[in-house]
Amino acid sequence: MDFSNFSLESIKGLKVTIMGLGINGGGEASADFFARNGADVVVTDLKSEEDLKVVVQRLSTYKNIKFKLGGHDIADFESADLVIKNPAVRKKSEFLDAAKAVETDISIFLRLIKNPIIAVTGSKGKSTTVSAIYHVLHKVHHDALLGGNITVSPLSFVEQIEDQYTPIVLELSSWQLADLSGKNLLKPKVAVITNILNDHQNTYDSLDDYAKDKAEILQCQDSSDYAIFNLTDKYSEYFAKNTKAKKFYVSDKELPKNVDGAYLSGGEGFFRTKMMKANILPDKLSVPGEHNRINMLTAALSLYVYGISDQTIKKVIPSFPGIPHRLELVGQKDSISFYNDSAATMPDAVLAAVKSFREPVYLICGGTDKNLEFSVFSRMPQNLAEIYLLKGSATVKIAAILRDGGVTYKGAYGKLEEAFDQALEDASLEAGASVVLLSPGAASFEMFKNEFDRGDQFRNLVDKILEPTADNSVFVKK
């Protein structure tokens, strides 16, 4: 397919196959986008229509969408002008091999726009970082838009882009970046890699291969662009060698003299180069945790090099409330606070979450293994009062580590509600304030649809024990 003059107008009449509908928005947004712009769309997924009925129902208003669910037919790929693959679909596929052209929602979006982009990737912190960037940027540029791996496909807002100056913030996963390899489409004005941690090792041969896909975010940058890395990350030197952009670093302590970037000191964040210094992050923030302070500093640095003033950043960023499923305060009852950290699918994220609190923490964790290493569970801080394990392949590993370390735990529970009820009962016995925290440190697929479903179920359990009163306080239902 010739993409040299690709535009919204050229979509009309195209035969487009969407491979992977899913339930998190990407496939649905692609189908919706191509259908509303006049393409003849075939949507195919290995899941059945029953599994996908909610999404199918939303798309059923389009007469130019056909559904082929419960399996793939190679004819739908051979006859298509264009195949759009879900990032979760592996590249090695007989169906993709049969296609004339294979793209993703991200690559199609990048072919259609010429706007300035702030792009963020990394193992942890990327969703919080992009959301904080957008929170501030939207105050200055009311037309700014946010999408990508944060479950909002940018194809859902293509027509909302006012002009070529509208700033776009993108969160990008390693899979999304891998799909862009060799296409020369992504040239972010600001590229951020938050960190590289031991993640997705069930789909990568090594951590080096994982980092290589992350480095795709840097490939098309030049000296007019900016790249931001974590100074203490072991891959920061590798990334620095793979970009022509101006390089800046983030650190939790003062930077070395020859390094430009941002660092924390006394709770505040400072930008520093050889020529100048500026305070870009205040001490008081709405989101808890030292790891989130680094996320906020990364966001502040990204905004500052993009061109937002230090005064604006310091004024607006403290009001950033955080995002769902990431140390999200979902309720309080008397002295117990309930935090949903369901997006913590890595062991290191659990440690960071527990360390975010001074109060005793009653931790609900465990789930599906991604071939990760769980020794961090032997190094939990002293404020961890009790552990409640959810059944799963990762839980088997976690339980073994806890037993070897002489750490007691409860479970494994076959239902989240059972673990929640026990954690609530135990936390209620605390004389002072306490925290009930869902921070699994593992994937979710054995008990839940995904991590968002897991977090939603936790929130619903909290809602059940809270009831509003006339003064909007809450109490436990009797």
Protein backbone atom coordinates (compact mmCIF):
# COMPACT_ATOMS: atom_id res chain seq x y z
CA MET A 1 0.00 0.00 0.00
CA ASP A 2 1.27 3.48 -0.89
CA PHE A 3 1.41 5.69 2.23
CA SER A 4 3.17 8.62 0.53
CA ASN A 5 -0.03 10.71 0.45
CA PHE A 6 -1.98 8.94 3.18
CA SER A 7 -4.85 11.01 4.58
CA LEU A 8 -8.31 10.64 6.08
CA GLU A 9 -9.77 10.98 2.58
CA SER A 10 -7.73 8.05 1.26
CA ILE A 11 -9.31 5.67 3.79
CA LYS A 12 -12.71 5.63 2.10
CA GLY A 13 -13.29 2.34 0.30
CA LEU A 14 -10.23 0.58 1.73
CA LYS A 15 -10.60 -3.04 2.81
CA VAL A 16 -9.25 -3.10 6.38
CA THR A 17 -8.88 -6.11 8.69
CA ILE A 18 -8.52 -5.43 12.41
CA MET A 19 -6.59 -8.29 14.04
CA GLY A 20 -7.35 -8.35 17.76
CA LEU A 21 -10.44 -6.55 19.02
CA GLY A 22 -9.77 -6.98 22.73
CA ILE A 23 -11.62 -5.23 25.54
CA ASN A 24 -9.23 -2.39 26.41
CA GLY A 25 -9.95 0.03 23.58
CA GLY A 26 -7.21 -0.38 20.95
CA GLY A 27 -8.99 -2.71 18.53
CA GLU A 28 -12.32 -1.02 19.09
CA ALA A 29 -10.86 2.43 18.44
CA SER A 30 -9.23 1.20 15.22
CA ALA A 31 -12.44 -0.39 13.97
CA ASP A 32 -14.41 2.73 14.87
CA PHE A 33 -11.86 5.01 13.18
CA PHE A 34 -11.72 3.15 9.87
CA ALA A 35 -15.48 2.56 9.78
CA ARG A 36 -16.38 6.20 10.40
CA ASN A 37 -13.96 7.23 7.66
CA GLY A 38 -15.59 4.96 5.09
CA ALA A 39 -13.49 1.78 5.03
CA ASP A 40 -14.94 -1.71 4.72
CA VAL A 41 -13.84 -3.28 7.99
CA VAL A 42 -13.46 -6.90 9.09
CA VAL A 43 -12.81 -7.41 12.80
CA THR A 44 -11.29 -10.75 13.78
CA ASP A 45 -10.30 -12.11 17.18
CA LEU A 46 -9.61 -15.51 18.73
CA LYS A 47 -12.08 -14.67 21.49
CA SER A 48 -15.73 -15.53 20.93
CA GLU A 49 -18.55 -13.04 20.32
CA GLU A 50 -19.81 -13.85 23.81
CA ASP A 51 -16.47 -12.85 25.34
CA LEU A 52 -16.46 -9.60 23.34
CA LYS A 53 -20.19 -8.87 23.33
CA VAL A 54 -19.93 -5.47 25.06
CA VAL A 55 -17.45 -4.17 22.47
CA VAL A 56 -19.32 -5.79 19.57
CA GLN A 57 -22.53 -4.13 20.71
CA ARG A 58 -20.91 -0.69 20.71
CA LEU A 59 -19.61 -1.19 17.16
CA SER A 60 -22.78 -2.78 15.80
CA THR A 61 -24.19 0.58 14.69
CA TYR A 62 -21.72 0.51 11.77
CA LYS A 63 -23.05 -1.30 8.70
CA ASN A 64 -19.55 -1.44 7.18
CA ILE A 65 -18.09 -3.62 9.97
CA LYS A 66 -18.18 -7.43 9.77
CA PHE A 67 -17.18 -9.59 12.75
CA LYS A 68 -15.23 -12.83 12.36
CA LEU A 69 -14.78 -13.94 15.97
CA GLY A 70 -13.66 -17.16 17.61
CA GLY A 71 -10.77 -17.61 15.15
CA HIS A 72 -9.04 -16.12 12.11
CA ASP A 73 -9.64 -16.77 8.41
CA ILE A 74 -6.55 -16.23 6.27
CA ALA A 75 -8.76 -14.98 3.42
CA ASP A 76 -9.55 -11.88 5.50
CA PHE A 77 -5.84 -11.06 5.54
CA GLU A 78 -5.08 -11.91 1.90
CA SER A 79 -7.94 -9.76 0.58
CA ALA A 80 -7.34 -6.73 2.84
CA ASP A 81 -5.64 -3.59 1.58
CA LEU A 82 -4.46 -3.03 5.14
CA VAL A 83 -4.25 -5.09 8.33
CA ILE A 84 -4.19 -3.37 11.74
CA LYS A 85 -2.64 -5.58 14.40
CA ASN A 86 -3.12 -5.30 18.13
CA PRO A 87 0.24 -4.73 19.91
CA ALA A 88 -0.30 -7.94 21.89
CA VAL A 89 -0.33 -9.96 18.65
CA ARG A 90 3.12 -11.35 17.95
CA LYS A 91 4.74 -10.39 14.64
CA LYS A 92 5.43 -14.01 13.66
CA SER A 93 2.06 -15.07 12.29
CA GLU A 94 0.95 -16.84 9.13
CA PHE A 95 -1.96 -14.43 8.97
CA LEU A 96 0.23 -11.32 9.10
CA ASP A 97 2.58 -12.90 6.57
CA ALA A 98 -0.38 -13.13 4.17
CA ALA A 99 -1.19 -9.41 4.48
CA LYS A 100 -0.27 -6.79 1.87
CA ALA A 101 0.42 -4.16 4.54
CA VAL A 102 0.52 -4.38 8.36
CA GLU A 103 0.16 -1.32 10.57
CA THR A 104 -0.99 -0.46 14.11
CA ASP A 105 -3.22 2.26 15.50
CA ILE A 106 -0.06 4.15 16.57
CA SER A 107 1.63 3.95 13.16
CA ILE A 108 -1.54 5.04 11.34
CA PHE A 109 -1.88 7.96 13.75
CA LEU A 110 1.74 9.00 13.17
CA ARG A 111 1.25 8.83 9.38
CA LEU A 112 -1.65 11.28 9.69
CA ILE A 113 -0.18 13.94 11.97
CA LYS A 114 2.83 16.27 12.05
CA ASN A 115 2.32 17.57 15.58
CA PRO A 116 4.89 17.99 18.38
CA ILE A 117 4.98 14.86 20.54
CA ILE A 118 6.07 14.14 24.09
CA ALA A 119 6.52 10.35 24.17
CA VAL A 120 7.10 8.32 27.32
CA THR A 121 8.05 4.67 27.79
CA GLY A 122 9.60 2.60 30.56
CA SER A 123 8.86 -0.36 32.80
CA LYS A 124 7.14 1.59 35.58
CA GLY A 125 5.94 5.13 36.06
CA LYS A 126 5.10 5.89 32.44
CA SER A 127 1.33 6.18 32.91
CA THR A 128 1.69 8.45 35.93
CA THR A 129 4.33 10.52 34.14
CA VAL A 130 2.32 11.06 30.93
CA SER A 131 -0.80 11.87 32.95
CA ALA A 132 1.06 14.47 34.99
CA ILE A 133 2.58 15.95 31.82
CA TYR A 134 -0.88 16.19 30.26
CA HIS A 135 -2.36 17.63 33.47
CA VAL A 136 0.00 20.61 33.26
CA LEU A 137 0.20 20.89 29.48
CA HIS A 138 -3.59 21.03 29.13
CA LYS A 139 -3.68 24.10 31.38
CA VAL A 140 -1.41 25.93 28.93
CA HIS A 141 -2.54 24.34 25.66
CA HIS A 142 -6.26 23.57 26.01
CA ASP A 143 -6.15 21.55 22.79
CA ALA A 144 -3.44 19.16 24.08
CA LEU A 145 -4.27 15.44 23.77
CA LEU A 146 -3.18 12.26 25.56
CA GLY A 147 -3.22 8.70 24.24
CA GLY A 148 -1.37 5.46 23.58
CA ASN A 149 -0.78 2.64 26.03
CA ILE A 150 -2.82 4.49 28.64
CA THR A 151 -5.89 2.76 27.08
CA VAL A 152 -6.83 5.71 24.85
CA SER A 153 -5.99 5.01 21.22
CA PRO A 154 -4.88 8.21 19.46
CA LEU A 155 -7.10 7.19 16.54
CA SER A 156 -10.02 8.09 18.78
CA PHE A 157 -9.09 11.79 18.65
CA VAL A 158 -7.48 12.32 15.22
CA GLU A 159 -10.34 14.55 14.08
CA GLN A 160 -10.12 16.61 17.29
CA ILE A 161 -6.62 17.88 16.50
CA GLU A 162 -7.06 21.59 15.86
CA ASP A 163 -3.86 22.23 13.88
CA GLN A 164 -0.27 21.07 13.48
CA TYR A 165 0.72 22.90 16.67
CA THR A 166 -1.57 20.88 18.97
CA PRO A 167 0.75 19.05 21.40
CA ILE A 168 0.32 15.27 21.70
CA VAL A 169 1.37 13.21 24.74
CA LEU A 170 1.86 9.49 24.06
CA GLU A 171 2.51 6.62 26.43
CA LEU A 172 4.15 3.79 24.49
CA SER A 173 4.77 0.19 25.52
CA SER A 174 7.71 -1.91 24.32
CA TRP A 175 5.33 -3.82 22.02
CA GLN A 176 3.96 -0.63 20.48
CA LEU A 177 7.51 0.61 19.91
CA ALA A 178 8.61 -2.71 18.44
CA ASP A 179 5.81 -2.42 15.87
CA LEU A 180 7.25 0.96 14.79
CA SER A 181 10.70 -0.44 14.09
CA GLY A 182 11.94 0.46 10.62
CA LYS A 183 8.98 2.70 9.79
CA ASN A 184 10.72 6.02 10.63
CA LEU A 185 7.47 7.52 11.90
CA LEU A 186 8.11 8.47 15.53
CA LYS A 187 10.14 11.65 16.12
CA PRO A 188 9.18 12.98 19.55
CA LYS A 189 10.19 16.48 20.52
CA VAL A 190 10.70 15.04 23.99
CA ALA A 191 11.37 11.31 24.51
CA VAL A 192 11.36 9.88 28.03
CA ILE A 193 12.47 6.45 29.25
CA THR A 194 11.52 6.24 32.94
CA ASN A 195 13.44 3.05 33.78
CA ILE A 196 14.10 -0.52 32.68
CA LEU A 197 13.09 -3.19 35.17
CA ASN A 198 12.66 -6.93 34.98
CA ASP A 199 9.31 -7.10 33.16
CA HIS A 200 7.66 -9.06 30.32
CA GLN A 201 10.36 -11.72 30.47
CA ASN A 202 7.73 -14.26 29.45
CA THR A 203 7.75 -12.64 25.98
CA TYR A 204 11.41 -11.52 25.66
CA ASP A 205 14.53 -13.68 25.44
CA SER A 206 16.46 -11.22 27.61
CA LEU A 207 16.27 -7.85 29.33
CA ASP A 208 18.61 -6.51 26.63
CA ASP A 209 16.03 -7.38 23.95
CA TYR A 210 13.36 -5.60 26.00
CA ALA A 211 15.56 -2.50 26.31
CA LYS A 212 16.25 -2.60 22.57
CA ASP A 213 12.54 -2.26 21.83
CA LYS A 214 12.31 0.63 24.30
CA ALA A 215 15.16 2.38 22.47
CA GLU A 216 12.96 2.64 19.37
CA ILE A 217 11.50 5.80 20.94
CA LEU A 218 14.86 7.52 20.25
CA GLN A 219 15.66 6.36 16.72
CA CYS A 220 14.38 9.31 14.68
CA GLN A 221 15.35 12.12 17.06
CA ASP A 222 17.90 14.75 16.07
CA SER A 223 19.79 17.56 17.79
CA SER A 224 16.67 19.74 17.95
CA ASP A 225 14.95 17.19 20.22
CA TYR A 226 15.29 16.19 23.88
CA ALA A 227 15.80 12.77 25.52
CA ILE A 228 15.32 12.12 29.24
CA PHE A 229 16.68 9.14 31.18
CA ASN A 230 16.94 7.98 34.78
CA LEU A 231 20.54 8.53 35.90
CA THR A 232 20.62 5.40 38.08
CA ASP A 233 19.12 3.06 35.49
CA LYS A 234 21.68 0.59 34.20
CA TYR A 235 20.53 1.11 30.61
CA SER A 236 20.81 4.93 30.62
CA GLU A 237 24.26 4.85 29.00
CA TYR A 238 23.00 2.48 26.31
CA PHE A 239 20.06 4.76 25.56
CA ALA A 240 22.25 7.87 25.50
CA LYS A 241 24.38 6.28 22.79
CA ASN A 242 21.26 5.64 20.72
CA THR A 243 19.98 9.18 20.34
CA LYS A 244 21.17 12.35 18.65
CA ALA A 245 18.92 14.44 20.89
CA LYS A 246 20.02 16.67 23.74
CA LYS A 247 20.32 14.41 26.79
CA PHE A 248 18.97 15.12 30.28
CA TYR A 249 18.86 12.93 33.38
CA VAL A 250 16.61 12.55 36.42
CA SER A 251 18.03 11.70 39.83
CA ASP A 252 16.85 11.38 43.43
CA LYS A 253 20.02 13.22 44.54
CA GLU A 254 22.18 16.02 43.18
CA LEU A 255 23.51 15.35 39.70
CA PRO A 256 27.22 14.99 38.94
CA LYS A 257 28.79 18.27 37.80
CA ASN A 258 29.03 17.28 34.14
CA VAL A 259 25.43 16.01 33.87
CA ASP A 260 22.41 18.15 32.88
CA GLY A 261 18.92 17.40 34.12
CA ALA A 262 16.75 17.46 37.23
CA TYR A 263 17.28 16.21 40.77
CA LEU A 264 15.56 16.10 44.17
CA SER A 265 16.81 18.01 47.18
CA GLY A 266 14.85 18.41 50.40
CA GLY A 267 11.66 17.24 48.69
CA GLU A 268 11.90 19.89 45.96
CA GLY A 269 13.00 19.35 42.37
CA PHE A 270 15.61 21.42 40.54
CA PHE A 271 16.59 21.71 36.88
CA ARG A 272 20.28 22.33 36.37
CA THR A 273 22.70 22.76 33.50
CA LYS A 274 26.19 24.22 33.35
CA MET A 275 24.60 27.61 32.62
CA MET A 276 21.59 27.85 34.95
CA LYS A 277 19.43 26.40 37.71
CA ALA A 278 15.64 26.53 38.29
CA ASN A 279 13.21 25.17 40.87
CA ILE A 280 10.66 23.13 38.87
CA LEU A 281 8.98 20.93 41.52
CA PRO A 282 7.50 21.99 44.87
CA ASP A 283 7.73 19.96 48.05
CA LYS A 284 3.98 19.45 48.47
CA LEU A 285 2.33 17.04 46.00
CA SER A 286 -1.00 15.24 45.99
CA VAL A 287 0.35 11.80 45.03
CA PRO A 288 2.06 9.71 47.75
CA GLY A 289 5.38 7.90 47.58
CA GLU A 290 8.99 8.73 46.78
CA HIS A 291 8.74 6.82 43.50
CA ASN A 292 5.91 9.17 42.52
CA ARG A 293 8.07 12.15 43.42
CA ILE A 294 10.55 10.90 40.82
CA ASN A 295 7.66 10.48 38.36
CA MET A 296 6.57 14.08 39.04
CA LEU A 297 10.15 15.31 38.62
CA THR A 298 10.39 13.46 35.31
CA ALA A 299 7.12 15.06 34.19
CA ALA A 300 8.33 18.50 35.31
CA LEU A 301 11.61 18.12 33.43
CA SER A 302 9.77 17.00 30.30
CA LEU A 303 7.49 20.02 30.47
CA TYR A 304 10.36 22.40 31.15
CA VAL A 305 12.49 21.35 28.18
CA TYR A 306 9.33 21.38 26.03
CA GLY A 307 8.95 25.07 26.90
CA ILE A 308 6.56 25.35 29.84
CA SER A 309 7.74 27.85 32.47
CA ASP A 310 8.96 26.76 35.88
CA GLN A 311 6.34 29.00 37.52
CA THR A 312 3.50 27.27 35.64
CA ILE A 313 4.82 23.79 36.41
CA LYS A 314 5.18 24.52 40.14
CA LYS A 315 1.71 26.07 40.27
CA VAL A 316 -0.18 23.31 38.45
CA ILE A 317 1.59 20.01 39.15
CA PRO A 318 0.70 19.87 42.88
CA SER A 319 -2.98 19.49 41.92
CA PHE A 320 -2.30 16.34 39.90
CA PRO A 321 -4.39 13.70 41.73
CA GLY A 322 -2.77 10.54 40.37
CA ILE A 323 -4.47 8.01 38.11
CA PRO A 324 -6.72 4.98 38.58
CA HIS A 325 -5.09 1.70 39.63
CA ARG A 326 -1.80 3.33 40.63
CA LEU A 327 -1.72 4.02 44.36
CA GLU A 328 -5.25 5.33 43.94
CA LEU A 329 -6.99 6.24 47.19
CA VAL A 330 -10.43 4.67 46.70
CA GLY A 331 -11.92 5.12 50.15
CA GLN A 332 -11.42 5.76 53.84
CA LYS A 333 -13.28 4.34 56.81
CA ASP A 334 -12.38 5.67 60.24
CA SER A 335 -8.62 5.10 60.49
CA ILE A 336 -8.30 2.72 57.51
CA SER A 337 -7.32 3.99 54.04
CA PHE A 338 -7.87 1.75 51.00
CA TYR A 339 -5.42 2.05 48.08
CA ASN A 340 -5.85 0.45 44.65
CA ASP A 341 -2.43 -0.21 43.09
CA SER A 342 -3.61 -2.94 40.72
CA ALA A 343 -1.34 -1.70 37.92
CA ALA A 344 1.65 -2.77 40.06
CA THR A 345 2.35 -5.91 38.03
CA MET A 346 6.04 -6.13 38.99
CA PRO A 347 7.58 -7.05 42.38
CA ASP A 348 9.64 -3.83 42.60
CA ALA A 349 6.43 -1.81 42.29
CA VAL A 350 5.05 -3.52 45.40
CA LEU A 351 8.11 -2.57 47.42
CA ALA A 352 7.77 1.05 46.27
CA ALA A 353 4.07 1.06 47.17
CA VAL A 354 4.57 -0.29 50.70
CA LYS A 355 7.41 2.18 51.29
CA SER A 356 5.05 5.02 50.33
CA PHE A 357 3.32 4.75 53.72
CA ARG A 358 4.38 5.18 57.33
CA GLU A 359 1.25 3.44 58.62
CA PRO A 360 0.99 -0.34 59.00
CA VAL A 361 0.18 -1.84 55.59
CA TYR A 362 -2.10 -4.84 55.04
CA LEU A 363 -1.00 -6.00 51.61
CA ILE A 364 -3.07 -8.01 49.11
CA CYS A 365 -0.78 -9.40 46.41
CA GLY A 366 -0.03 -12.28 44.07
CA GLY A 367 -1.35 -13.38 40.70
CA THR A 368 -0.07 -14.64 37.36
CA ASP A 369 3.64 -15.11 36.69
CA LYS A 370 5.39 -13.29 33.82
CA ASN A 371 8.61 -15.21 34.39
CA LEU A 372 9.78 -12.57 36.89
CA GLU A 373 12.02 -12.79 39.94
CA PHE A 374 10.30 -12.20 43.31
CA SER A 375 13.15 -11.97 45.83
CA VAL A 376 12.07 -8.40 46.61
CA PHE A 377 9.34 -9.93 48.80
CA SER A 378 12.08 -10.90 51.25
CA ARG A 379 13.09 -7.22 51.62
CA MET A 380 9.79 -5.59 52.58
CA PRO A 381 9.93 -2.69 55.10
CA GLN A 382 8.90 -3.07 58.73
CA ASN A 383 5.58 -1.28 58.28
CA LEU A 384 4.26 -4.28 56.33
CA ALA A 385 1.84 -5.69 58.91
CA GLU A 386 0.39 -8.67 57.01
CA ILE A 387 0.34 -10.29 53.56
CA TYR A 388 -2.71 -11.79 51.87
CA LEU A 389 -1.96 -13.88 48.80
CA LEU A 390 -4.29 -14.32 45.82
CA LYS A 391 -4.03 -17.66 44.05
CA GLY A 392 -1.88 -17.80 40.91
CA SER A 393 1.32 -19.06 39.33
CA ALA A 394 3.31 -16.07 40.64
CA THR A 395 1.89 -16.62 44.11
CA VAL A 396 3.54 -20.04 44.27
CA LYS A 397 6.93 -18.32 43.86
CA ILE A 398 6.08 -15.53 46.32
CA ALA A 399 4.90 -17.99 48.98
CA ALA A 400 8.12 -20.00 48.69
CA ILE A 401 10.24 -16.87 49.19
CA LEU A 402 8.16 -15.80 52.20
CA ARG A 403 8.44 -19.24 53.78
CA ASP A 404 12.20 -19.34 53.22
CA GLY A 405 12.50 -15.97 54.93
CA GLY A 406 10.29 -16.94 57.83
CA VAL A 407 7.64 -14.40 56.82
CA THR A 408 4.06 -15.33 57.64
CA TYR A 409 1.21 -14.78 55.21
CA LYS A 410 -2.47 -15.64 54.81
CA GLY A 411 -4.02 -17.44 51.86
CA ALA A 412 -3.75 -18.18 49.05
CA TYR A 413 -7.30 -16.98 48.47
CA GLY A 414 -9.34 -18.05 45.46
CA LYS A 415 -11.41 -14.87 45.57
CA LEU A 416 -10.37 -11.25 46.02
CA GLU A 417 -13.31 -10.72 48.36
CA GLU A 418 -11.98 -13.34 50.78
CA ALA A 419 -8.57 -11.66 50.98
CA PHE A 420 -10.18 -8.22 51.29
CA ASP A 421 -12.49 -9.27 54.13
CA GLN A 422 -9.59 -10.74 56.11
CA ALA A 423 -7.40 -7.67 55.52
CA LEU A 424 -10.24 -5.40 56.63
CA GLU A 425 -10.80 -7.44 59.78
CA ASP A 426 -7.12 -7.39 60.70
CA ALA A 427 -6.61 -3.69 59.89
CA SER A 428 -9.63 -2.83 62.09
CA LEU A 429 -7.69 -4.11 65.11
CA GLU A 430 -4.97 -1.47 64.70
CA ALA A 431 -4.98 1.18 67.42
CA GLY A 432 -4.08 3.93 64.94
CA ALA A 433 -4.20 4.60 61.22
CA SER A 434 -3.61 1.74 58.78
CA VAL A 435 -3.66 0.99 55.06
CA VAL A 436 -5.28 -1.85 53.13
CA LEU A 437 -3.33 -1.99 49.89
CA LEU A 438 -3.95 -3.97 46.71
CA SER A 439 -0.54 -4.09 45.05
CA PRO A 440 -0.26 -7.49 43.34
CA GLY A 441 3.26 -7.49 41.91
CA ALA A 442 2.02 -9.89 39.24
CA ALA A 443 -0.27 -10.11 36.22
CA SER A 444 -3.97 -10.83 36.64
CA PHE A 445 -5.12 -13.30 34.02
CA GLU A 446 -5.87 -16.38 36.14
CA MET A 447 -8.53 -14.64 38.26
CA PHE A 448 -9.40 -11.44 36.36
CA LYS A 449 -9.88 -10.12 32.83
CA ASN A 450 -6.95 -7.75 33.30
CA GLU A 451 -5.39 -5.50 35.92
CA PHE A 452 -8.11 -2.89 35.43
CA ASP A 453 -10.81 -5.45 36.17
CA ARG A 454 -8.85 -6.45 39.28
CA GLY A 455 -8.64 -2.85 40.45
CA ASP A 456 -12.30 -2.21 39.71
CA GLN A 457 -13.30 -5.25 41.75
CA PHE A 458 -11.21 -3.96 44.67
CA ARG A 459 -12.86 -0.53 44.38
CA ASN A 460 -16.29 -2.17 44.36
CA LEU A 461 -15.44 -4.08 47.55
CA VAL A 462 -14.47 -0.81 49.21
CA ASP A 463 -17.66 0.86 48.00
CA LYS A 464 -19.73 -1.92 49.57
CA ILE A 465 -18.45 -1.21 53.06
CA LEU A 466 -18.78 2.56 52.72
CA GLU A 467 -22.04 4.43 52.82
CA PRO A 468 -22.40 8.22 52.52
CA THR A 469 -24.00 10.13 55.37
CA ALA A 470 -25.57 13.58 55.37
CA ASP A 471 -22.20 15.24 55.93
CA ASN A 472 -20.53 13.07 53.23
CA SER A 473 -18.49 11.12 55.78
CA VAL A 474 -18.59 7.35 55.62
CA PHE A 475 -19.18 4.44 57.94
CA VAL A 476 -19.14 0.66 57.73
CA LYS A 477 -22.45 -0.92 56.87
CA LYS A 478 -23.72 -3.11 59.70
